Amino acid sequence: MSTKYIATPSKTKEILKKYAFAFKKSLGQNFIIDVNILQNILKHADVNKESGVIEIGPGIGALTEQLAIHADKVVAFEIDQRLLPILEDTLETYPNIEIIHQDILEADVTEVIRQQFKENQPIHIVANLPYYITTPILLKLLHDRLPVESITVMIQKEVAERMAAEPNSKSYGSLTIAVQYYTNAEVVMTVPKTVFNPQPNVDSGILKLELRKEPPVHVADEEFFFRIVKASFAQRRKTLRNNIANLFSDMNKTEIQEIMDRAGIDGERRGESLSMEEFAELANVFYKEINE
């Protein structure tokens, strides 16, 4: 393996030393030091010479470099100003990279795509996301309904499993439904904590999200649907009827049971036993009842 790549223990050490870079715990910075893992991520992410790629949190440029080698163009969002001169240095030989100094949670990513990429270019998001802010970032990207084909991210293994979970499993919850409403989700790889500097406390998973053209279920009102889902998992040990009763405090349990009967859902069940189709049916029947 060539040592010229950033993602090696020696090269990473050299860069950190050169810039006397100190990791900020608050930004969840963990840099990857294994080129093979990065190249595997790229294979799963379907990145090729036609692709435009958005990266979030490039760090010192380990993944950015591999993306630049394999894609047409890379646009990376970096929040930490201290990393900008380092990236300018480590990535200077790659003319197809654009670094944007901005918090991804505040960015108008749709507008960035319009400005930075060719019309109708296949776009992929590929990132090693900070653990502490994974969920807000992914939900923002999904809610924004970006014109992208896939999102492939390295995140905490446990969170990746929750997003790709099946009903009746411990990992299945409101986050699962939120993610799978917009995407087909799959954990394609596990990454040991030993390939990071500094080492995190837990292993990572590579989660691949393929964006759906249409949600898999029809709901009368999306916001209401997600409220029902969230309420259903509010207290996992409680029955569905009791959890839903907390959401509609102006209804008594008999009324709630009647509505659930109309939806064909047994109120004694628990949230994790319902499929997305059943949640959609439940939400639609409640929505109709409340808005008639």
Protein backbone atom coordinates (compact mmCIF):
# COMPACT_ATOMS: atom_id res chain seq x y z
CA MET A 1 0.00 0.00 0.00
CA SER A 2 1.33 3.43 -0.87
CA THR A 3 2.29 5.57 2.10
CA LYS A 4 1.38 8.71 0.20
CA TYR A 5 -2.24 8.31 1.27
CA ILE A 6 -3.46 10.36 4.25
CA ALA A 7 -5.25 7.39 5.82
CA THR A 8 -2.22 5.64 7.28
CA PRO A 9 -1.08 5.77 10.92
CA SER A 10 2.29 7.36 10.02
CA LYS A 11 0.94 10.00 7.61
CA THR A 12 -1.87 10.96 10.00
CA LYS A 13 0.63 11.30 12.85
CA GLU A 14 2.89 13.44 10.66
CA ILE A 15 0.04 15.80 9.70
CA LEU A 16 -1.21 16.14 13.29
CA LYS A 17 2.32 16.88 14.49
CA LYS A 18 3.05 19.40 11.73
CA TYR A 19 0.00 21.47 12.66
CA ALA A 20 0.10 20.70 16.42
CA PHE A 21 -3.53 19.69 16.01
CA ALA A 22 -5.46 18.94 19.21
CA PHE A 23 -8.67 16.91 18.93
CA LYS A 24 -11.84 18.61 20.11
CA LYS A 25 -13.99 16.18 22.04
CA SER A 26 -17.01 18.44 21.51
CA LEU A 27 -16.75 17.88 17.73
CA GLY A 28 -16.44 14.09 17.99
CA GLN A 29 -13.27 14.00 15.90
CA ASN A 30 -11.96 10.51 15.08
CA PHE A 31 -9.76 10.23 11.99
CA ILE A 32 -9.58 6.96 10.07
CA ILE A 33 -6.14 5.45 9.49
CA ASP A 34 -6.90 2.51 7.19
CA VAL A 35 -7.04 2.98 3.41
CA ASN A 36 -8.62 -0.45 2.76
CA ILE A 37 -11.64 0.42 4.88
CA LEU A 38 -12.10 3.71 3.00
CA GLN A 39 -11.88 1.97 -0.37
CA ASN A 40 -14.46 -0.59 0.78
CA ILE A 41 -16.78 2.25 1.79
CA LEU A 42 -16.43 3.72 -1.71
CA LYS A 43 -17.37 0.39 -3.31
CA HIS A 44 -20.53 0.19 -1.21
CA ALA A 45 -21.34 3.84 -1.95
CA ASP A 46 -21.44 3.24 -5.76
CA VAL A 47 -19.04 6.15 -6.35
CA ASN A 48 -17.50 6.31 -9.82
CA LYS A 49 -16.02 8.84 -12.24
CA GLU A 50 -19.51 10.15 -13.11
CA SER A 51 -20.42 10.84 -9.48
CA GLY A 52 -20.69 14.06 -7.58
CA VAL A 53 -20.07 13.47 -3.86
CA ILE A 54 -20.93 15.45 -0.75
CA GLU A 55 -18.84 14.74 2.33
CA ILE A 56 -19.55 15.96 5.87
CA GLY A 57 -16.67 16.52 8.28
CA PRO A 58 -13.60 15.76 6.14
CA GLY A 59 -11.20 16.07 9.10
CA ILE A 60 -7.67 16.03 7.67
CA GLY A 61 -8.92 14.67 4.33
CA ALA A 62 -8.45 10.88 4.57
CA LEU A 63 -11.83 9.95 3.04
CA THR A 64 -11.91 13.14 0.93
CA GLU A 65 -8.73 12.06 -0.84
CA GLN A 66 -10.13 8.63 -1.74
CA LEU A 67 -13.37 10.24 -2.94
CA ALA A 68 -11.43 12.70 -5.12
CA ILE A 69 -9.51 9.82 -6.73
CA HIS A 70 -12.67 7.87 -7.58
CA ALA A 71 -15.34 10.55 -8.22
CA ASP A 72 -15.83 13.44 -10.62
CA LYS A 73 -16.13 16.10 -7.91
CA VAL A 74 -16.23 16.28 -4.11
CA VAL A 75 -17.82 19.02 -2.00
CA ALA A 76 -16.98 18.72 1.70
CA PHE A 77 -18.56 20.63 4.60
CA GLU A 78 -16.19 21.32 7.51
CA ILE A 79 -17.28 23.14 10.68
CA ASP A 80 -13.85 23.33 12.39
CA GLN A 81 -11.95 26.36 11.11
CA ARG A 82 -8.63 24.93 12.39
CA LEU A 83 -8.85 22.16 9.77
CA LEU A 84 -9.18 24.47 6.74
CA PRO A 85 -5.43 25.19 6.30
CA ILE A 86 -4.65 21.51 6.92
CA LEU A 87 -7.10 20.42 4.20
CA GLU A 88 -5.67 23.02 1.83
CA ASP A 89 -2.27 21.42 2.36
CA THR A 90 -3.19 17.70 2.39
CA LEU A 91 -5.52 17.92 -0.62
CA GLU A 92 -3.66 20.45 -2.77
CA THR A 93 -2.95 17.93 -5.54
CA TYR A 94 -6.68 17.26 -6.10
CA PRO A 95 -8.32 20.04 -8.14
CA ASN A 96 -11.78 18.42 -7.97
CA ILE A 97 -12.41 19.17 -4.27
CA GLU A 98 -14.37 22.12 -2.88
CA ILE A 99 -14.29 22.71 0.89
CA ILE A 100 -17.18 24.69 2.41
CA HIS A 101 -16.66 26.07 5.92
CA GLN A 102 -20.18 25.63 7.28
CA ASP A 103 -22.25 23.62 9.73
CA ILE A 104 -24.13 21.05 7.65
CA LEU A 105 -27.19 21.53 9.90
CA GLU A 106 -27.42 25.15 8.71
CA ALA A 107 -26.52 24.58 5.07
CA ASP A 108 -28.87 24.80 2.10
CA VAL A 109 -27.57 21.57 0.60
CA THR A 110 -30.03 21.62 -2.31
CA GLU A 111 -28.65 24.99 -3.39
CA VAL A 112 -25.05 23.77 -2.99
CA ILE A 113 -25.84 20.78 -5.24
CA ARG A 114 -27.35 23.13 -7.84
CA GLN A 115 -24.29 25.38 -7.81
CA GLN A 116 -21.49 22.83 -7.51
CA PHE A 117 -22.53 19.86 -9.65
CA LYS A 118 -23.54 19.28 -13.25
CA GLU A 119 -27.19 19.10 -14.14
CA ASN A 120 -28.60 15.57 -13.64
CA GLN A 121 -25.27 14.34 -12.25
CA PRO A 122 -25.68 11.32 -9.94
CA ILE A 123 -24.98 12.61 -6.41
CA HIS A 124 -23.98 10.54 -3.38
CA ILE A 125 -23.37 11.58 0.21
CA VAL A 126 -20.44 9.76 1.83
CA ALA A 127 -19.18 10.64 5.32
CA ASN A 128 -17.55 9.55 8.54
CA LEU A 129 -20.05 11.29 10.84
CA PRO A 130 -19.35 12.44 14.41
CA TYR A 131 -21.24 10.08 16.75
CA TYR A 132 -22.80 12.80 18.85
CA ILE A 133 -24.70 14.43 15.99
CA THR A 134 -25.37 11.53 13.60
CA THR A 135 -29.16 11.44 13.96
CA PRO A 136 -29.85 15.19 13.54
CA ILE A 137 -27.62 15.28 10.44
CA LEU A 138 -29.22 12.26 8.77
CA LEU A 139 -32.78 13.37 9.56
CA LYS A 140 -32.06 16.84 8.16
CA LEU A 141 -30.65 15.34 4.95
CA LEU A 142 -33.73 13.10 4.60
CA HIS A 143 -36.30 15.79 5.46
CA ASP A 144 -34.68 18.14 2.92
CA ARG A 145 -35.49 15.54 0.24
CA LEU A 146 -32.20 16.17 -1.51
CA PRO A 147 -31.71 15.12 -5.14
CA VAL A 148 -29.23 12.39 -4.16
CA GLU A 149 -29.17 8.69 -4.98
CA SER A 150 -27.64 7.37 -1.78
CA ILE A 151 -26.17 8.26 1.60
CA THR A 152 -23.36 6.02 2.89
CA VAL A 153 -22.11 6.91 6.35
CA MET A 154 -19.80 5.53 8.98
CA ILE A 155 -21.60 5.89 12.31
CA GLN A 156 -21.81 4.20 15.70
CA LYS A 157 -22.61 0.52 15.03
CA GLU A 158 -25.56 0.48 17.43
CA VAL A 159 -27.17 3.51 15.73
CA ALA A 160 -26.63 1.98 12.28
CA GLU A 161 -28.40 -1.17 13.49
CA ARG A 162 -31.32 0.88 14.82
CA MET A 163 -31.77 2.63 11.48
CA ALA A 164 -31.74 -0.65 9.53
CA ALA A 165 -33.75 -2.72 12.07
CA GLU A 166 -36.72 -5.00 11.40
CA PRO A 167 -39.97 -5.05 13.46
CA ASN A 168 -39.96 -7.18 16.63
CA SER A 169 -36.29 -6.49 17.33
CA LYS A 170 -34.76 -4.59 20.22
CA SER A 171 -33.21 -2.04 17.85
CA TYR A 172 -36.52 -1.22 16.08
CA GLY A 173 -38.01 2.12 17.05
CA SER A 174 -39.23 5.52 15.88
CA LEU A 175 -35.80 6.27 14.36
CA THR A 176 -36.07 3.10 12.25
CA ILE A 177 -39.41 4.24 10.83
CA ALA A 178 -38.17 7.80 10.22
CA VAL A 179 -35.18 6.56 8.22
CA GLN A 180 -36.93 3.74 6.35
CA TYR A 181 -39.82 6.01 5.35
CA TYR A 182 -37.36 7.83 3.08
CA THR A 183 -34.81 5.10 2.29
CA ASN A 184 -33.91 1.46 1.97
CA ALA A 185 -31.47 1.02 4.86
CA GLU A 186 -28.76 -1.61 5.19
CA VAL A 187 -25.70 -2.06 7.41
CA VAL A 188 -23.10 -3.12 4.83
CA MET A 189 -19.96 -3.29 6.99
CA THR A 190 -18.67 -3.23 10.56
CA VAL A 191 -15.57 -1.15 11.28
CA PRO A 192 -13.45 -1.90 14.38
CA LYS A 193 -12.59 1.00 16.67
CA THR A 194 -8.88 0.19 16.21
CA VAL A 195 -8.73 1.88 12.77
CA PHE A 196 -9.31 5.36 14.20
CA ASN A 197 -7.08 8.00 15.75
CA PRO A 198 -8.03 8.67 18.48
CA GLN A 199 -9.82 5.38 19.14
CA PRO A 200 -13.52 5.76 19.99
CA ASN A 201 -15.07 3.58 22.71
CA VAL A 202 -17.25 1.57 20.34
CA ASP A 203 -17.15 -0.03 16.90
CA SER A 204 -18.67 1.67 13.87
CA GLY A 205 -21.02 0.45 11.19
CA ILE A 206 -21.27 1.52 7.56
CA LEU A 207 -24.91 2.33 6.88
CA LYS A 208 -26.06 2.60 3.28
CA LEU A 209 -29.30 4.46 2.62
CA GLU A 210 -30.75 4.29 -0.87
CA LEU A 211 -33.23 7.11 -1.34
CA ARG A 212 -36.76 6.05 -2.26
CA LYS A 213 -38.58 7.81 -5.10
CA GLU A 214 -41.79 7.53 -3.06
CA PRO A 215 -42.42 6.58 0.59
CA PRO A 216 -43.41 2.90 0.97
CA VAL A 217 -46.74 3.84 2.58
CA HIS A 218 -49.40 6.47 1.95
CA VAL A 219 -50.06 8.77 4.91
CA ALA A 220 -52.69 11.49 5.12
CA ASP A 221 -50.30 13.82 6.97
CA GLU A 222 -46.58 13.13 7.40
CA GLU A 223 -46.09 15.19 10.54
CA PHE A 224 -49.06 13.48 12.21
CA PHE A 225 -47.79 10.04 11.13
CA PHE A 226 -44.41 10.68 12.79
CA ARG A 227 -46.13 11.96 15.95
CA ILE A 228 -48.09 8.68 16.20
CA VAL A 229 -44.92 6.66 15.63
CA LYS A 230 -42.94 8.61 18.24
CA ALA A 231 -45.75 8.30 20.81
CA SER A 232 -45.99 4.54 20.19
CA PHE A 233 -42.39 4.07 21.34
CA ALA A 234 -42.45 6.70 24.12
CA GLN A 235 -42.45 4.02 26.82
CA ARG A 236 -41.47 0.72 25.27
CA ARG A 237 -42.93 -1.43 28.04
CA LYS A 238 -46.36 0.13 27.75
CA THR A 239 -49.03 -1.17 25.41
CA LEU A 240 -49.76 0.74 22.23
CA ARG A 241 -53.12 1.87 23.63
CA ASN A 242 -51.53 3.40 26.73
CA ASN A 243 -48.82 5.17 24.77
CA ILE A 244 -51.33 6.56 22.27
CA ALA A 245 -53.60 7.64 25.16
CA ASN A 246 -50.79 9.91 26.39
CA LEU A 247 -50.77 11.64 23.00
CA PHE A 248 -54.53 12.25 22.96
CA SER A 249 -55.25 13.25 26.55
CA ASP A 250 -58.71 14.60 25.58
CA MET A 251 -59.90 11.11 24.55
CA ASN A 252 -60.76 8.32 26.94
CA LYS A 253 -59.35 4.82 26.51
CA THR A 254 -62.63 3.42 25.16
CA GLU A 255 -62.63 5.97 22.32
CA ILE A 256 -58.98 5.23 21.62
CA GLN A 257 -59.69 1.49 21.55
CA GLU A 258 -62.59 2.00 19.12
CA ILE A 259 -60.37 3.96 16.72
CA MET A 260 -57.66 1.31 16.99
CA ASP A 261 -60.26 -1.39 16.27
CA ARG A 262 -61.24 0.50 13.10
CA ALA A 263 -57.57 0.47 12.09
CA GLY A 264 -57.45 -3.27 12.78
CA ILE A 265 -54.72 -2.87 15.41
CA ASP A 266 -54.84 -4.65 18.77
CA GLY A 267 -54.27 -2.05 21.52
CA GLU A 268 -52.49 -4.64 23.67
CA ARG A 269 -49.60 -4.83 21.20
CA ARG A 270 -46.40 -2.89 21.67
CA GLY A 271 -44.93 -0.39 19.24
CA GLU A 272 -42.03 -2.58 18.15
CA SER A 273 -44.42 -5.22 16.80
CA LEU A 274 -46.01 -2.91 14.20
CA SER A 275 -44.84 -2.72 10.61
CA MET A 276 -44.64 0.62 8.85
CA GLU A 277 -47.85 -0.26 6.96
CA GLU A 278 -49.67 -0.78 10.27
CA PHE A 279 -48.38 2.53 11.64
CA ALA A 280 -49.60 4.26 8.47
CA GLU A 281 -53.05 2.70 8.83
CA LEU A 282 -53.20 3.67 12.52
CA ALA A 283 -52.14 7.25 11.82
CA ASN A 284 -54.56 7.65 8.90
CA VAL A 285 -57.56 6.42 10.91
CA PHE A 286 -56.72 8.70 13.87
CA TYR A 287 -56.12 11.63 11.52
CA LYS A 288 -59.50 11.14 9.87
CA GLU A 289 -61.23 10.87 13.26
CA ILE A 290 -59.65 14.08 14.58
CA ASN A 291 -60.17 16.13 11.42
CA GLU A 292 -63.73 15.14 10.56
